[in-house]
Amino acid sequence: MEELVAAEVISVNQIGEGTRVCIDVIDQLDPLEGMLIGNTGHGYLLVLSENRSTETYPPRPFRINGGAFHHYLYLGEERTTYLAEAKPGLEVPLWCKGKVRKVSVGRVKMEKRPFLRVVCRVENDDQEISATVQEADSVHVMTVDQAAKPVLELKAGDRILCYPDEPGRHLGKKIEEEIKEY
């Protein structure tokens, strides 16, 4: 199982409107269960299920808001897919309190929404990891204290969980190559 590590938030900035992708799975999700998503192969942030009430949104116990259309979705075993390519039937790994389970996607929902770009630095490393998440009170990430943190409240200095990786994929499978992603 991949070990999640701490990352310090460097910046959170509005980035504009685009297509967001929600992954609806065929089982009920724990409020602290989530999947790993990111802008680049350098690593992924743990974004949590929408199984909680917010001021503007009822709980969706089957949904994880995966963020921007271009994101990588980490599938485990050094494999990724693009959120844009996720389809019903795809098995996705879900992380919760140090455990992982796989659940199949039942539906993929895409809509235009505003986004935030979250940039983090892996603790004890210079590696940066970023994700483009929907600017909404229903979107949460996992803190190092195993608590849900709304992305609308994220700020520089916050510590959240991530999975560092090395870029270089061909059709979702890890390959050795020199690559630069930002």
Protein backbone atom coordinates (compact mmCIF):
# COMPACT_ATOMS: atom_id res chain seq x y z
CA MET A 1 0.00 0.00 0.00
CA GLU A 2 1.23 3.49 -0.85
CA GLU A 3 2.10 5.54 2.22
CA LEU A 4 0.64 9.01 2.43
CA VAL A 5 2.92 11.75 3.76
CA ALA A 6 2.61 15.33 4.97
CA ALA A 7 2.80 18.32 2.63
CA GLU A 8 2.70 21.99 3.52
CA VAL A 9 0.36 24.21 1.53
CA ILE A 10 2.37 26.91 -0.27
CA SER A 11 -0.46 28.68 -2.10
CA VAL A 12 -4.15 28.55 -2.93
CA ASN A 13 -5.24 30.69 -5.89
CA GLN A 14 -8.35 31.10 -8.01
CA ILE A 15 -7.59 29.83 -11.51
CA GLY A 16 -10.86 30.31 -13.44
CA GLU A 17 -13.72 28.17 -14.66
CA GLY A 18 -13.43 24.77 -16.30
CA THR A 19 -14.86 21.27 -16.38
CA ARG A 20 -14.95 19.48 -13.06
CA VAL A 21 -15.29 15.73 -12.78
CA CYS A 22 -17.21 13.98 -10.01
CA ILE A 23 -16.65 10.27 -9.52
CA ASP A 24 -19.75 8.52 -8.18
CA VAL A 25 -18.98 5.02 -6.89
CA ILE A 26 -21.28 2.04 -6.35
CA ASP A 27 -20.85 1.88 -2.57
CA GLN A 28 -21.31 4.19 0.39
CA LEU A 29 -18.23 6.23 1.28
CA ASP A 30 -16.93 7.14 4.71
CA PRO A 31 -16.70 10.94 5.20
CA LEU A 32 -12.91 10.55 5.57
CA GLU A 33 -12.51 8.29 2.53
CA GLY A 34 -10.95 9.74 -0.59
CA MET A 35 -8.93 9.34 -3.75
CA LEU A 36 -5.59 10.69 -4.96
CA ILE A 37 -5.70 13.37 -7.66
CA GLY A 38 -3.16 15.81 -9.04
CA ASN A 39 -2.06 18.12 -11.83
CA THR A 40 1.19 16.26 -12.54
CA GLY A 41 2.96 12.97 -12.04
CA HIS A 42 4.97 14.56 -9.21
CA GLY A 43 2.26 13.47 -6.79
CA TYR A 44 -1.33 13.61 -5.69
CA LEU A 45 -3.47 15.11 -2.94
CA LEU A 46 -6.05 13.11 -0.99
CA VAL A 47 -9.46 14.64 -1.81
CA LEU A 48 -12.32 13.34 0.35
CA SER A 49 -15.85 12.12 -0.30
CA GLU A 50 -18.77 14.52 -0.24
CA ASN A 51 -20.42 12.45 2.51
CA ARG A 52 -21.03 15.47 4.78
CA SER A 53 -23.50 18.34 4.93
CA THR A 54 -22.32 21.86 4.14
CA GLU A 55 -24.12 25.20 4.10
CA THR A 56 -24.88 24.89 0.39
CA TYR A 57 -24.79 21.15 -0.31
CA PRO A 58 -26.46 18.01 1.10
CA PRO A 59 -24.32 14.90 1.66
CA ARG A 60 -23.54 12.74 -1.36
CA PRO A 61 -22.29 9.51 0.27
CA PHE A 62 -21.31 8.03 -3.11
CA ARG A 63 -19.36 10.99 -4.57
CA ILE A 64 -15.81 12.28 -4.71
CA ASN A 65 -15.24 15.57 -6.50
CA GLY A 66 -12.04 14.83 -8.41
CA GLY A 67 -11.47 18.38 -9.57
CA ALA A 68 -10.32 19.48 -13.00
CA PHE A 69 -10.87 17.51 -16.21
CA HIS A 70 -7.10 17.21 -16.90
CA HIS A 71 -6.21 15.67 -13.51
CA TYR A 72 -4.41 12.44 -12.99
CA LEU A 73 -6.32 9.92 -10.88
CA TYR A 74 -3.90 7.58 -9.11
CA LEU A 75 -5.01 3.94 -9.49
CA GLY A 76 -2.35 2.29 -7.34
CA GLU A 77 0.47 -0.01 -8.42
CA GLU A 78 2.21 2.93 -10.16
CA ARG A 79 -0.72 3.43 -12.57
CA THR A 80 -2.81 6.50 -13.35
CA THR A 81 -5.62 7.54 -15.62
CA TYR A 82 -6.91 10.96 -16.57
CA LEU A 83 -10.16 11.98 -14.91
CA ALA A 84 -11.32 12.81 -18.45
CA GLU A 85 -10.99 9.10 -19.30
CA ALA A 86 -12.69 7.66 -16.19
CA LYS A 87 -15.68 5.47 -17.08
CA PRO A 88 -18.26 3.39 -15.20
CA GLY A 89 -16.74 0.06 -14.19
CA LEU A 90 -13.26 1.47 -13.50
CA GLU A 91 -11.99 0.24 -10.13
CA VAL A 92 -10.59 3.09 -8.07
CA PRO A 93 -8.59 2.80 -4.84
CA LEU A 94 -10.01 4.73 -1.89
CA TRP A 95 -7.87 5.70 1.11
CA CYS A 96 -9.29 6.00 4.63
CA LYS A 97 -7.33 6.17 7.89
CA GLY A 98 -4.37 4.17 6.60
CA LYS A 99 -6.41 1.54 4.76
CA VAL A 100 -7.21 1.17 1.07
CA ARG A 101 -10.13 -0.52 -0.67
CA LYS A 102 -11.16 -0.66 -4.32
CA VAL A 103 -14.63 0.30 -5.49
CA SER A 104 -16.04 0.53 -9.01
CA VAL A 105 -17.18 3.77 -10.59
CA GLY A 106 -20.93 3.85 -11.23
CA ARG A 107 -21.17 7.26 -12.89
CA VAL A 108 -18.95 10.12 -14.01
CA LYS A 109 -20.48 13.61 -13.83
CA MET A 110 -18.91 16.63 -15.57
CA GLU A 111 -20.02 20.26 -15.22
CA LYS A 112 -18.54 23.75 -15.56
CA ARG A 113 -17.34 25.13 -12.22
CA PRO A 114 -14.83 27.63 -10.75
CA PHE A 115 -11.46 26.28 -9.59
CA LEU A 116 -8.67 26.78 -7.08
CA ARG A 117 -5.08 25.73 -7.71
CA VAL A 118 -3.55 24.27 -4.53
CA VAL A 119 0.25 23.99 -4.45
CA CYS A 120 2.03 22.07 -1.67
CA ARG A 121 5.58 21.11 -0.79
CA VAL A 122 6.28 17.63 0.53
CA GLU A 123 7.72 17.89 4.03
CA ASN A 124 11.45 17.09 4.27
CA ASP A 125 11.70 17.39 0.48
CA ASP A 126 11.68 20.13 -2.17
CA GLN A 127 9.10 18.31 -4.29
CA GLU A 128 5.98 20.31 -5.15
CA ILE A 129 2.58 18.74 -5.70
CA SER A 130 -0.43 20.60 -7.04
CA ALA A 131 -4.10 19.99 -7.73
CA THR A 132 -6.87 22.03 -9.32
CA VAL A 133 -9.97 21.60 -7.16
CA GLN A 134 -13.47 22.99 -7.42
CA GLU A 135 -13.97 26.19 -5.44
CA ALA A 136 -16.85 24.83 -3.35
CA ASP A 137 -17.66 24.16 0.30
CA SER A 138 -18.35 20.50 -0.53
CA VAL A 139 -14.68 19.82 -1.44
CA HIS A 140 -12.39 18.70 1.39
CA VAL A 141 -8.84 17.38 1.71
CA MET A 142 -7.32 15.32 4.53
CA THR A 143 -5.11 17.02 7.10
CA VAL A 144 -2.15 15.30 8.75
CA ASP A 145 -4.38 15.01 11.86
CA GLN A 146 -6.82 12.80 9.89
CA ALA A 147 -9.46 15.55 9.73
CA ALA A 148 -11.42 16.89 6.78
CA LYS A 149 -10.40 20.44 5.77
CA PRO A 150 -12.59 22.45 3.34
CA VAL A 151 -10.53 23.71 0.41
CA LEU A 152 -12.22 27.10 0.85
CA GLU A 153 -10.40 27.36 4.21
CA LEU A 154 -6.98 26.13 3.02
CA LYS A 155 -4.12 28.58 3.45
CA ALA A 156 -0.34 28.65 3.26
CA GLY A 157 1.17 26.70 6.14
CA ASP A 158 -1.64 24.15 6.44
CA ARG A 159 -0.45 20.53 6.51
CA ILE A 160 -2.35 17.99 4.40
CA LEU A 161 -1.80 14.43 3.17
CA CYS A 162 -0.36 13.59 -0.22
CA TYR A 163 1.33 10.81 -2.14
CA PRO A 164 4.60 11.90 -3.79
CA ASP A 165 5.44 10.23 -7.10
CA GLU A 166 7.78 10.60 -10.05
CA PRO A 167 6.46 11.82 -13.40
CA GLY A 168 6.65 9.61 -16.45
CA ARG A 169 3.63 7.67 -17.68
CA HIS A 170 2.63 6.20 -21.02
CA LEU A 171 -1.03 5.21 -21.26
CA GLY A 172 -1.18 5.31 -17.45
CA LYS A 173 1.77 2.97 -16.83
CA LYS A 174 4.99 4.19 -15.24
CA ILE A 175 7.98 4.50 -17.56
CA GLU A 176 11.50 5.85 -17.15
CA GLU A 177 11.94 9.13 -19.00
CA GLU A 178 12.99 12.70 -18.45
CA ILE A 179 9.88 14.83 -18.13
CA LYS A 180 9.02 18.28 -16.81
CA GLU A 181 5.50 19.05 -15.65
CA TYR A 182 4.22 22.17 -13.91
